[in-house]
N, C-alpha and C. Protein backbone atom coordinates (compact mmCIF):
# COMPACT_ATOMS: atom_id res chain seq x y z
N LEU A 1 2.34 6.20 -10.38
CA LEU A 1 1.60 6.10 -8.94
C LEU A 1 1.46 4.82 -8.48
N PHE A 2 0.91 4.33 -8.91
CA PHE A 2 0.26 2.80 -8.82
C PHE A 2 1.20 1.61 -8.89
N ASP A 3 2.65 1.49 -9.29
CA ASP A 3 3.20 0.83 -9.82
C ASP A 3 3.76 -0.54 -8.81
N PHE A 4 3.16 -0.07 -7.46
CA PHE A 4 3.29 -1.19 -6.60
C PHE A 4 2.25 -2.33 -6.14
N LEU A 5 1.46 -2.00 -7.51
CA LEU A 5 -0.17 -2.15 -6.67
C LEU A 5 -0.72 -3.49 -8.00
N ASP A 6 -1.03 -4.45 -8.02
CA ASP A 6 -1.15 -5.46 -9.12
C ASP A 6 -3.33 -5.02 -8.74
N ILE A 7 -3.49 -4.52 -9.72
CA ILE A 7 -4.62 -3.69 -9.82
C ILE A 7 -6.15 -4.68 -9.66
N ASP A 8 -5.63 -5.92 -9.94
CA ASP A 8 -6.53 -7.14 -10.35
C ASP A 8 -6.68 -7.95 -8.73
N VAL A 9 -5.55 -7.74 -7.99
CA VAL A 9 -5.45 -8.40 -6.64
C VAL A 9 -6.62 -7.17 -5.90
N VAL A 10 -6.22 -6.05 -5.69
CA VAL A 10 -7.36 -4.89 -5.00
C VAL A 10 -8.50 -5.39 -5.82
N GLU A 11 -8.63 -5.53 -6.95
CA GLU A 11 -10.21 -5.82 -7.01
C GLU A 11 -11.18 -7.10 -6.76
N GLU A 12 -10.06 -8.26 -6.74
CA GLU A 12 -10.14 -9.27 -5.47
C GLU A 12 -10.74 -9.11 -4.53
N TYR A 13 -10.09 -8.25 -3.70
CA TYR A 13 -9.91 -7.93 -2.23
C TYR A 13 -11.82 -7.15 -2.22
N PHE A 14 -11.67 -6.41 -3.15
CA PHE A 14 -12.72 -5.47 -2.91
C PHE A 14 -14.46 -6.61 -3.45
N ARG A 15 -14.04 -7.52 -4.15
CA ARG A 15 -15.15 -8.76 -4.99
C ARG A 15 -15.35 -9.94 -3.18
N ASP A 16 -14.39 -9.54 -2.57
CA ASP A 16 -14.20 -10.40 -1.49
C ASP A 16 -14.76 -9.77 -0.23
N ASN A 17 -14.66 -8.49 -0.23
CA ASN A 17 -15.50 -7.61 0.77
C ASN A 17 -16.73 -7.07 1.09
N PHE A 18 -17.39 -6.64 -0.40
CA PHE A 18 -18.34 -5.95 -1.07
C PHE A 18 -19.29 -6.71 -1.72
N ARG A 19 -20.47 -6.61 -1.07
CA ARG A 19 -21.51 -7.24 -2.56
C ARG A 19 -22.46 -6.17 -2.64
N LYS A 20 -22.84 -6.08 -3.79
CA LYS A 20 -24.25 -4.95 -3.80
C LYS A 20 -25.57 -5.81 -3.52
N GLY A 21 -26.27 -5.08 -2.52
CA GLY A 21 -27.33 -5.86 -1.71
C GLY A 21 -28.88 -5.94 -2.84
N ASP A 22 -29.71 -6.21 -2.55
CA ASP A 22 -30.64 -5.66 -3.14
C ASP A 22 -31.51 -4.67 -3.87
N ASN A 23 -31.60 -3.92 -3.05
CA ASN A 23 -31.69 -2.12 -3.08
C ASN A 23 -30.37 -1.59 -3.56
N GLY A 24 -29.35 -1.86 -4.44
CA GLY A 24 -28.32 -1.42 -4.57
C GLY A 24 -27.19 -0.82 -3.68
N GLU A 25 -27.68 -1.32 -2.55
CA GLU A 25 -26.72 -0.50 -1.02
C GLU A 25 -25.26 -1.70 -1.62
N THR A 26 -24.59 -1.09 -0.89
CA THR A 26 -23.19 -1.66 -0.52
C THR A 26 -23.41 -2.90 0.33
N ILE A 27 -22.73 -3.98 0.72
CA ILE A 27 -23.10 -4.50 1.74
C ILE A 27 -21.68 -4.89 2.00
N PHE A 28 -21.16 -4.68 2.91
CA PHE A 28 -19.61 -5.24 3.66
C PHE A 28 -19.67 -6.55 4.20
N ILE A 29 -18.96 -7.54 3.82
CA ILE A 29 -18.82 -8.87 4.33
C ILE A 29 -17.45 -8.89 5.24
N ARG A 30 -17.43 -9.32 6.77
CA ARG A 30 -16.48 -9.34 7.26
C ARG A 30 -15.30 -10.07 6.77
N PRO A 31 -14.09 -9.77 7.09
CA PRO A 31 -13.16 -10.94 7.10
C PRO A 31 -12.97 -12.16 7.90
N LYS A 32 -12.63 -12.75 7.19
CA LYS A 32 -12.63 -13.89 8.54
C LYS A 32 -11.61 -14.20 9.50
N LYS A 33 -10.35 -13.26 9.52
CA LYS A 33 -9.85 -12.98 10.41
C LYS A 33 -9.27 -11.59 10.27
N CYS A 34 -9.02 -11.19 11.19
CA CYS A 34 -8.79 -9.78 11.63
C CYS A 34 -7.38 -9.13 10.82
N SER A 35 -6.51 -9.80 10.52
CA SER A 35 -5.49 -9.47 9.53
C SER A 35 -5.84 -9.43 8.16
N TYR A 36 -7.25 -9.52 7.74
CA TYR A 36 -7.48 -9.53 6.69
C TYR A 36 -8.19 -8.05 6.41
N TYR A 37 -8.07 -7.91 7.39
CA TYR A 37 -8.74 -6.27 6.98
C TYR A 37 -7.90 -5.02 6.72
N SER A 38 -6.61 -5.33 6.44
CA SER A 38 -5.80 -5.02 5.28
C SER A 38 -5.95 -4.98 4.00
N ASP A 39 -6.73 -5.99 3.79
CA ASP A 39 -7.46 -6.23 2.26
C ASP A 39 -8.32 -5.10 2.35
N VAL A 40 -8.71 -4.80 3.24
CA VAL A 40 -10.15 -4.06 3.16
C VAL A 40 -9.47 -2.43 3.39
N SER A 41 -8.71 -2.52 4.03
CA SER A 41 -7.67 -0.96 4.32
C SER A 41 -7.30 -0.42 2.90
N LEU A 42 -6.47 -1.53 2.08
CA LEU A 42 -6.02 -1.59 0.97
C LEU A 42 -7.11 -0.67 -0.60
N VAL A 43 -8.33 -1.87 -0.13
CA VAL A 43 -9.35 -1.32 -1.32
C VAL A 43 -9.98 0.16 -0.91
N LEU A 44 -10.16 0.50 0.37
CA LEU A 44 -10.83 1.84 0.71
C LEU A 44 -9.65 3.03 0.65
N GLY A 45 -8.48 2.60 0.89
CA GLY A 45 -7.54 3.49 0.25
C GLY A 45 -7.39 3.80 -1.17
N THR A 46 -7.19 2.95 -1.61
CA THR A 46 -7.46 2.96 -3.54
C THR A 46 -8.76 3.80 -3.84
N LEU A 47 -9.70 3.77 -3.29
CA LEU A 47 -10.83 4.29 -3.94
C LEU A 47 -11.09 5.99 -3.13
N ALA A 48 -10.25 5.85 -1.93
CA ALA A 48 -9.87 7.24 -1.36
C ALA A 48 -9.41 8.24 -2.51
N PHE A 49 -7.92 7.47 -3.11
CA PHE A 49 -7.22 8.27 -3.49
C PHE A 49 -7.72 8.68 -5.30
N ILE A 50 -8.49 7.24 -5.71
CA ILE A 50 -9.29 7.37 -6.84
C ILE A 50 -9.99 8.52 -7.09
N ASP A 51 -10.87 9.24 -5.53
CA ASP A 51 -11.47 10.05 -5.36
C ASP A 51 -10.60 11.52 -5.19
N ILE A 52 -9.85 11.45 -5.01
CA ILE A 52 -9.44 12.75 -4.80
C ILE A 52 -8.82 13.35 -6.32
N PHE A 53 -8.59 12.45 -7.04
CA PHE A 53 -8.46 12.57 -8.69
C PHE A 53 -9.32 12.74 -9.60
N SER A 54 -10.27 12.39 -8.89
CA SER A 54 -12.17 12.60 -9.96
C SER A 54 -12.91 13.40 -9.40
N VAL A 55 -12.28 14.49 -8.70
CA VAL A 55 -13.09 15.23 -8.06
C VAL A 55 -14.00 16.32 -9.40
N ASN A 56 -13.69 16.26 -10.37
CA ASN A 56 -14.24 17.30 -11.57
C ASN A 56 -14.78 16.06 -12.87
N LEU A 57 -14.75 14.90 -12.46
CA LEU A 57 -15.15 13.72 -13.65
C LEU A 57 -16.80 13.45 -12.99
N VAL A 58 -17.11 13.45 -13.90
CA VAL A 58 -18.58 12.58 -13.49
C VAL A 58 -18.62 11.28 -13.60
N PHE A 59 -19.49 10.68 -12.60
CA PHE A 59 -19.65 9.10 -13.13
C PHE A 59 -20.95 8.96 -12.96
N GLN A 60 -21.28 7.84 -13.42
CA GLN A 60 -22.77 7.36 -13.09
C GLN A 60 -23.10 7.02 -11.35
N TYR A 61 -22.34 6.53 -10.81
CA TYR A 61 -22.24 6.39 -8.84
C TYR A 61 -21.03 7.29 -8.74
N PRO A 62 -21.08 8.23 -8.33
CA PRO A 62 -19.97 9.36 -7.66
C PRO A 62 -19.56 8.70 -6.42
N LEU A 63 -18.56 8.55 -5.70
CA LEU A 63 -18.18 8.38 -4.19
C LEU A 63 -18.79 9.45 -3.62
N ASN A 64 -18.50 10.74 -3.88
CA ASN A 64 -18.70 11.71 -2.97
C ASN A 64 -18.26 11.63 -1.57
N ASP A 65 -16.99 11.51 -1.45
CA ASP A 65 -16.29 11.45 -0.01
C ASP A 65 -15.68 12.77 0.41
N GLN A 66 -16.38 13.84 0.61
CA GLN A 66 -16.41 15.05 1.24
C GLN A 66 -16.05 15.11 2.59
N ASP A 67 -16.36 13.94 3.11
CA ASP A 67 -16.35 14.15 5.08
C ASP A 67 -14.78 13.32 5.25
N ASN A 68 -14.23 12.59 3.60
CA ASN A 68 -13.05 12.02 3.83
C ASN A 68 -12.98 10.72 4.83
N LEU A 69 -14.07 9.90 4.61
CA LEU A 69 -14.40 8.78 5.41
C LEU A 69 -13.66 7.67 4.79
N LEU A 70 -13.28 7.49 3.48
CA LEU A 70 -12.92 6.61 2.74
C LEU A 70 -11.31 6.26 3.57
N TYR A 71 -10.75 7.30 3.36
CA TYR A 71 -9.42 7.45 4.50
C TYR A 71 -9.21 6.92 6.02
N ILE A 72 -10.43 7.63 6.24
CA ILE A 72 -10.60 7.18 8.06
C ILE A 72 -10.95 5.81 7.98
N LEU A 73 -11.94 5.46 7.09
CA LEU A 73 -12.16 4.02 7.50
C LEU A 73 -10.79 2.78 7.08
N SER A 74 -10.29 3.42 5.93
CA SER A 74 -8.97 2.59 5.26
C SER A 74 -7.92 2.52 6.65
N ALA A 75 -7.36 3.87 7.44
CA ALA A 75 -6.81 3.69 8.26
C ALA A 75 -7.24 2.98 9.89
N ARG A 76 -8.77 2.62 9.91
CA ARG A 76 -9.06 2.22 10.67
C ARG A 76 -9.08 0.60 10.78
N ALA A 77 -9.10 0.25 9.43
CA ALA A 77 -8.75 -0.82 8.68
C ALA A 77 -7.82 -1.41 9.34
N LEU A 78 -6.52 -0.55 9.13
CA LEU A 78 -5.28 -0.96 9.00
C LEU A 78 -5.14 -1.40 10.87
N GLU A 79 -5.39 -0.29 11.40
CA GLU A 79 -5.66 -1.02 13.09
C GLU A 79 -6.18 -1.80 13.46
N ILE A 80 -7.47 -2.46 12.75
CA ILE A 80 -8.02 -3.63 13.20
C ILE A 80 -7.09 -4.71 12.93
N ALA A 81 -6.51 -4.50 11.83
CA ALA A 81 -5.41 -5.62 11.10
C ALA A 81 -4.73 -6.15 12.12
N THR A 82 -4.17 -4.87 13.21
CA THR A 82 -2.58 -5.16 13.92
C THR A 82 -1.74 -5.10 13.06
N TYR A 83 -1.82 -4.67 11.85
CA TYR A 83 -0.78 -4.37 10.90
C TYR A 83 0.96 -4.62 11.80
N SER A 84 0.86 -3.97 12.27
CA SER A 84 2.48 -4.07 12.97
C SER A 84 2.84 -5.20 13.65
N ARG A 85 2.10 -5.97 13.89
CA ARG A 85 2.35 -7.12 14.22
C ARG A 85 1.85 -8.49 12.99
N LYS A 86 1.11 -8.39 12.17
CA LYS A 86 0.75 -9.27 11.21
C LYS A 86 0.83 -8.57 9.94
N GLN A 87 2.24 -8.64 9.48
CA GLN A 87 2.85 -7.60 8.46
C GLN A 87 2.61 -8.99 6.97
N ARG A 88 1.79 -8.19 6.16
CA ARG A 88 1.39 -8.84 5.19
C ARG A 88 1.83 -7.93 3.80
N LEU A 89 1.70 -8.48 2.87
CA LEU A 89 1.99 -7.28 1.63
C LEU A 89 0.76 -6.26 1.14
N PRO A 90 -0.15 -6.86 1.48
CA PRO A 90 -1.19 -5.94 1.86
C PRO A 90 -1.41 -4.47 2.62
N VAL A 91 -0.91 -4.83 3.57
CA VAL A 91 -0.53 -4.01 4.99
C VAL A 91 0.35 -2.67 4.43
N LEU A 92 1.49 -3.34 3.61
CA LEU A 92 2.56 -2.51 3.11
C LEU A 92 1.72 -1.79 2.12
N GLN A 93 1.33 -2.06 0.96
CA GLN A 93 0.53 -1.87 0.07
C GLN A 93 -0.14 -0.64 0.67
N ALA A 94 -1.40 -0.99 1.36
CA ALA A 94 -2.11 -0.19 1.75
C ALA A 94 -1.77 1.23 2.81
N LEU A 95 -0.25 1.31 3.25
CA LEU A 95 0.39 2.40 3.75
C LEU A 95 0.66 3.15 2.52
N LEU A 96 1.58 2.82 1.66
CA LEU A 96 1.88 3.29 0.60
C LEU A 96 0.87 4.20 -0.06
N VAL A 97 -0.44 3.65 0.00
CA VAL A 97 -1.65 4.03 -0.77
C VAL A 97 -1.76 5.54 0.69
N GLN A 98 -2.44 5.29 1.50
CA GLN A 98 -2.24 6.27 2.32
C GLN A 98 -1.09 7.71 2.91
N ARG A 99 0.27 6.95 2.17
CA ARG A 99 1.45 8.19 1.91
C ARG A 99 0.90 9.05 0.60
N LEU A 100 0.43 8.19 0.07
CA LEU A 100 0.24 9.20 -1.35
C LEU A 100 -1.22 10.40 -0.71
N ILE A 101 -1.92 10.04 -0.12
CA ILE A 101 -3.49 10.24 0.17
C ILE A 101 -2.97 11.70 1.04
N GLN A 102 -1.95 11.51 2.09
CA GLN A 102 -1.30 12.01 2.88
C GLN A 102 -0.68 13.60 2.01
N ILE A 103 -0.21 13.26 0.56
CA ILE A 103 0.44 13.98 0.04
C ILE A 103 -0.40 14.95 -1.03
N TYR A 104 -1.37 14.25 -1.27
CA TYR A 104 -2.44 14.88 -2.16
C TYR A 104 -3.22 15.44 -2.05
N ASP A 105 -4.09 14.99 -0.69
CA ASP A 105 -5.60 15.17 -0.73
C ASP A 105 -5.67 16.77 -0.04
N THR A 106 -6.38 17.51 0.22
CA THR A 106 -6.33 18.74 0.59
C THR A 106 -6.27 18.58 2.11
N ARG A 107 -7.42 17.60 2.14
CA ARG A 107 -7.47 17.51 3.70
C ARG A 107 -6.50 17.32 4.75
N GLU A 108 -5.81 16.44 3.72
CA GLU A 108 -4.19 15.59 4.82
C GLU A 108 -3.19 16.13 4.59
N CYS A 109 -2.83 16.89 3.58
CA CYS A 109 -1.87 17.54 2.92
C CYS A 109 -1.03 18.20 3.74
N ASP A 110 0.41 18.24 3.74
CA ASP A 110 1.60 18.85 4.18
C ASP A 110 2.05 19.71 3.74
N GLY A 111 1.37 20.36 2.76
CA GLY A 111 2.13 21.47 2.04
C GLY A 111 2.80 20.50 0.65
N GLY A 112 3.27 19.52 0.74
CA GLY A 112 3.76 19.37 -0.56
C GLY A 112 5.17 18.74 -0.22
N ASP A 113 5.60 18.88 0.66
CA ASP A 113 6.97 18.42 1.00
C ASP A 113 7.37 17.23 1.73
N GLY A 114 6.11 16.71 2.02
CA GLY A 114 6.27 15.19 2.57
C GLY A 114 6.55 14.77 3.98
N THR A 115 6.59 16.08 4.63
CA THR A 115 7.10 15.85 6.29
C THR A 115 6.20 15.03 7.03
N ASN A 116 4.48 15.25 6.43
CA ASN A 116 3.50 14.40 7.43
C ASN A 116 3.35 12.98 6.91
N SER A 117 3.83 12.71 5.86
CA SER A 117 3.77 11.51 5.25
C SER A 117 5.24 10.53 5.38
N TYR A 118 5.87 10.98 6.01
CA TYR A 118 7.63 10.40 6.42
C TYR A 118 7.07 9.03 7.25
N TYR A 119 6.80 9.59 8.24
CA TYR A 119 6.33 8.71 9.43
C TYR A 119 5.91 7.35 8.73
N THR A 120 5.01 7.65 8.27
CA THR A 120 4.23 6.32 7.31
C THR A 120 4.85 5.75 6.46
N PHE A 121 5.96 6.62 5.49
CA PHE A 121 7.08 5.86 5.00
C PHE A 121 8.06 5.01 5.95
N GLN A 122 8.29 5.42 6.76
CA GLN A 122 9.22 4.61 7.58
C GLN A 122 8.27 2.92 8.23
N GLN A 123 7.21 3.45 8.19
CA GLN A 123 6.29 2.39 8.70
C GLN A 123 6.34 1.50 7.52
N SER A 124 6.28 1.58 6.32
CA SER A 124 6.04 0.95 5.44
C SER A 124 7.55 0.70 4.94
N LEU A 125 8.78 1.04 5.13
CA LEU A 125 9.89 0.73 5.25
C LEU A 125 10.40 -0.54 5.68
N ASN A 126 9.82 -0.58 7.19
CA ASN A 126 10.10 -1.44 8.10
C ASN A 126 9.14 -2.68 8.03
N ILE A 127 7.97 -2.57 6.98
CA ILE A 127 7.42 -3.73 7.15
C ILE A 127 7.89 -4.41 5.77
N ALA A 128 8.56 -3.69 4.71
CA ALA A 128 9.11 -4.19 3.80
C ALA A 128 10.37 -5.15 3.91
N HIS A 129 10.97 -4.30 5.00
CA HIS A 129 12.25 -5.53 5.11
C HIS A 129 11.70 -6.41 6.20
N SER A 130 11.19 -6.34 6.89
CA SER A 130 10.44 -7.57 7.60
C SER A 130 9.67 -8.72 6.83
N LEU A 131 8.95 -8.10 5.23
CA LEU A 131 8.60 -9.52 4.71
C LEU A 131 9.79 -9.74 3.47
N GLY A 132 11.05 -9.14 4.01
CA GLY A 132 12.11 -9.44 2.85
C GLY A 132 12.48 -9.07 1.50
N LEU A 133 11.53 -7.74 1.28
CA LEU A 133 11.42 -7.37 0.04
C LEU A 133 12.70 -7.07 -0.50
N HIS A 134 13.69 -6.31 0.50
CA HIS A 134 15.25 -6.15 0.06
C HIS A 134 16.04 -6.83 -0.25
N ARG A 135 15.19 -8.39 -0.13
CA ARG A 135 16.36 -9.67 -0.49
C ARG A 135 15.82 -9.75 -2.32
N ASP A 136 16.52 -9.97 -3.15
CA ASP A 136 16.00 -10.69 -4.31
C ASP A 136 14.94 -11.59 -3.95
N PRO A 137 13.91 -11.83 -5.14
CA PRO A 137 13.36 -12.83 -5.19
C PRO A 137 13.86 -14.19 -5.99
N GLU A 138 14.71 -14.07 -6.53
CA GLU A 138 15.69 -15.17 -7.12
C GLU A 138 16.39 -15.98 -5.92
N SER A 139 16.53 -14.97 -4.85
CA SER A 139 17.44 -15.60 -4.16
C SER A 139 16.45 -16.86 -3.33
N ILE A 140 15.13 -16.80 -3.33
CA ILE A 140 14.37 -17.15 -2.23
C ILE A 140 13.29 -17.90 -3.19
N LYS A 141 13.85 -19.71 -3.22
CA LYS A 141 12.82 -20.37 -3.71
C LYS A 141 11.61 -20.28 -3.28
N ASN A 142 11.52 -21.05 -2.29
CA ASN A 142 9.96 -20.82 -1.23
C ASN A 142 10.20 -20.38 0.04
N MET A 143 8.76 -20.40 0.46
CA MET A 143 8.62 -20.10 1.85
C MET A 143 8.19 -21.37 2.98
N ILE A 144 8.63 -21.14 3.90
CA ILE A 144 8.08 -22.63 4.78
C ILE A 144 6.96 -21.80 5.61
N TYR A 145 6.17 -22.43 5.85
CA TYR A 145 4.75 -21.69 6.26
C TYR A 145 4.55 -23.07 7.24
N LYS A 146 4.07 -22.95 8.78
CA LYS A 146 3.71 -23.98 9.41
C LYS A 146 4.39 -25.33 8.71
N ASP A 147 5.57 -25.37 8.78
CA ASP A 147 6.21 -27.31 8.34
C ASP A 147 6.02 -27.08 6.81
N VAL A 148 5.13 -26.65 5.91
CA VAL A 148 4.80 -26.34 4.68
C VAL A 148 5.84 -25.70 3.51
N ARG A 149 6.22 -25.98 2.43
CA ARG A 149 6.86 -25.29 1.61
C ARG A 149 5.73 -24.56 0.72
N ILE A 150 5.82 -23.36 0.31
CA ILE A 150 4.84 -22.73 -0.38
C ILE A 150 5.55 -21.82 -0.93
N PRO A 151 5.03 -21.90 -2.68
CA PRO A 151 5.56 -20.65 -3.34
C PRO A 151 5.65 -19.20 -3.13
N LEU A 152 6.57 -18.17 -3.84
CA LEU A 152 6.27 -16.91 -2.91
C LEU A 152 4.88 -16.53 -3.26
N PRO A 153 4.40 -15.56 -2.21
CA PRO A 153 2.75 -15.22 -2.48
C PRO A 153 2.83 -13.73 -3.32
N ILE A 154 4.09 -13.52 -3.29
CA ILE A 154 3.79 -11.97 -4.69
C ILE A 154 4.70 -12.02 -5.56
N SER A 155 4.24 -11.99 -6.15
CA SER A 155 4.80 -11.67 -7.90
C SER A 155 6.13 -11.11 -8.27
N LYS A 156 6.81 -11.68 -8.85
CA LYS A 156 8.63 -11.29 -8.56
C LYS A 156 8.44 -9.73 -9.30
N ARG A 157 7.80 -9.54 -10.30
CA ARG A 157 7.26 -8.01 -11.04
C ARG A 157 6.66 -6.88 -9.70
N ILE A 158 5.69 -7.22 -9.00
CA ILE A 158 5.41 -6.60 -7.94
C ILE A 158 6.69 -6.35 -6.82
N TRP A 159 7.25 -7.56 -6.24
CA TRP A 159 8.04 -7.55 -5.23
C TRP A 159 9.16 -6.51 -5.93
N ARG A 160 9.97 -6.47 -6.67
CA ARG A 160 10.61 -5.69 -7.20
C ARG A 160 10.07 -4.15 -7.46
N LYS A 161 8.79 -4.33 -7.97
CA LYS A 161 8.80 -2.42 -8.29
C LYS A 161 8.30 -2.11 -6.96
N THR A 162 7.68 -3.00 -5.83
CA THR A 162 7.46 -2.19 -4.84
C THR A 162 9.06 -1.82 -4.04
N TRP A 163 9.96 -2.43 -4.19
CA TRP A 163 11.13 -2.17 -3.25
C TRP A 163 11.75 -1.05 -4.34
N GLY A 164 11.70 -1.12 -5.59
CA GLY A 164 12.31 0.38 -6.43
C GLY A 164 10.92 1.20 -5.89
N HIS A 165 10.40 1.02 -5.95
CA HIS A 165 9.23 2.42 -5.07
C HIS A 165 9.75 2.77 -3.73
N LEU A 166 10.24 1.90 -3.16
CA LEU A 166 10.60 2.56 -1.42
C LEU A 166 11.75 3.15 -1.84
N LYS A 167 12.62 2.48 -2.67
CA LYS A 167 14.06 2.98 -2.66
C LYS A 167 13.80 4.76 -3.64
N GLU A 168 12.82 5.03 -4.51
CA GLU A 168 12.89 6.24 -4.70
C GLU A 168 12.32 7.11 -3.94
N LEU A 169 11.16 6.79 -2.75
CA LEU A 169 10.97 7.37 -1.88
C LEU A 169 12.00 7.92 -0.99
N ASP A 170 12.94 6.80 -0.43
CA ASP A 170 13.78 7.28 0.75
C ASP A 170 14.60 8.17 -0.35
N ASP A 171 15.02 8.20 -1.38
CA ASP A 171 16.03 9.43 -2.13
C ASP A 171 15.09 10.72 -2.14
N HIS A 172 13.79 10.84 -2.21
CA HIS A 172 12.84 12.03 -2.26
C HIS A 172 13.04 12.57 -0.82
N TYR A 173 12.84 12.09 0.15
CA TYR A 173 12.70 12.79 1.33
C TYR A 173 14.29 12.88 1.59
N CYS A 174 15.25 12.24 1.21
CA CYS A 174 16.17 12.57 1.72
C CYS A 174 16.81 14.22 1.06
N ILE A 175 16.55 13.75 0.11
CA ILE A 175 16.22 15.15 -0.75
C ILE A 175 15.85 16.52 -0.40
N VAL A 176 14.09 16.33 -0.22
CA VAL A 176 13.46 17.42 0.11
C VAL A 176 13.53 17.63 1.36
N ILE A 177 13.30 16.72 2.31
CA ILE A 177 13.46 17.13 3.86
C ILE A 177 14.66 16.91 4.41
N GLY A 178 15.20 16.23 3.55
CA GLY A 178 17.00 16.54 4.41
C GLY A 178 16.86 15.32 5.54
N THR A 179 16.03 14.45 5.54
CA THR A 179 16.29 13.48 6.07
C THR A 179 17.48 12.32 5.37
N PRO A 180 18.15 11.54 6.46
CA PRO A 180 19.20 10.66 6.15
C PRO A 180 18.41 9.45 5.39
N GLN A 181 19.47 8.75 4.44
CA GLN A 181 18.38 7.53 3.70
C GLN A 181 18.85 6.17 4.66
N LEU A 182 17.03 5.38 4.60
CA LEU A 182 17.53 4.70 5.60
C LEU A 182 17.20 3.33 4.73
N ILE A 183 17.53 3.27 3.46
CA ILE A 183 17.91 1.79 3.02
C ILE A 183 19.39 1.91 2.04
N ASN A 184 19.92 1.24 3.26
CA ASN A 184 21.54 0.78 3.09
C ASN A 184 21.86 -0.20 2.00
N ASP A 185 22.40 -0.01 0.72
CA ASP A 185 22.61 -0.69 -0.63
C ASP A 185 23.26 -2.35 -0.40
N GLU A 186 23.95 -1.98 0.90
CA GLU A 186 24.95 -2.99 1.19
C GLU A 186 24.06 -4.18 2.16
N PHE A 187 22.75 -3.90 2.10
CA PHE A 187 21.91 -4.74 2.97
C PHE A 187 20.91 -5.31 2.13
N SER A 188 21.16 -4.88 0.91
CA SER A 188 20.02 -5.29 -0.25
C SER A 188 20.63 -6.00 -1.47
N ASP A 189 19.85 -6.51 -1.85
CA ASP A 189 20.63 -7.31 -2.97
C ASP A 189 19.08 -7.18 -4.14
N CYS A 190 18.27 -6.78 -3.90
CA CYS A 190 16.80 -7.02 -4.56
C CYS A 190 17.40 -5.80 -5.56
N SER A 191 17.13 -6.16 -7.12
CA SER A 191 17.54 -5.28 -8.40
C SER A 191 16.13 -5.13 -8.27
N SER A 192 15.92 -3.53 -8.09
CA SER A 192 14.44 -2.89 -8.26
C SER A 192 14.21 -2.60 -9.71
N ASP A 193 12.95 -2.42 -9.72
CA ASP A 193 12.69 -2.03 -11.05
C ASP A 193 11.99 -0.57 -10.98
N SER A 194 13.17 0.34 -11.02
CA SER A 194 12.83 1.80 -10.48
C SER A 194 12.58 2.67 -11.74
N VAL A 195 12.33 3.99 -11.83
CA VAL A 195 12.58 5.05 -12.61
C VAL A 195 13.79 5.23 -12.88
N GLN A 196 14.31 5.38 -11.86
CA GLN A 196 16.11 6.05 -11.92
C GLN A 196 16.46 5.17 -12.63
N GLU A 197 16.36 3.76 -12.82
CA GLU A 197 17.17 2.85 -13.63
C GLU A 197 17.28 3.16 -15.18
N HIS A 198 15.97 3.78 -15.78
CA HIS A 198 15.70 3.70 -17.19
C HIS A 198 15.96 5.19 -17.80
N ILE A 199 16.42 6.33 -16.66
CA ILE A 199 17.08 7.39 -16.81
C ILE A 199 18.01 7.77 -17.19
């Protein structure tokens, strides 16, 4: 389910934004820029998703998110990040995690057909196109940012896995709820590492 995430990066975002206080409480450290609230959103969304599937497990420090605050705070952090204007990979990943929560969480669930999560998928796909994930990373050697060439900020494996995941979701929504496919392969040259290619 999380093939589009590098969990080490999520852990890094967690360590950047949360500390353990002297009394054992969690201390939130505000990001330096509002756009970095998408990192916080990704962490909180990942924790909310883990909480959904760990209801019957016993932990030393249980999350106990009965009021669904992790999901709500994850969505709020994306709003603070002005994610539609400041598009970064963590924004896309946070939206994809929220889509999973909308499907699997009984408090946010849509009955399993995905209609409630379709809008989140559309937003995710728009951001993926804006980030250029539909293009093969081999065709992009470097990026220019403020007149300086920098290497690609996304590993090629995550790039392809994310695009492959979006293609699978596009097929899923087409079959399950009857929406037209949004991804046109004529305008995409990214070779996706998807489950479909291994079948």
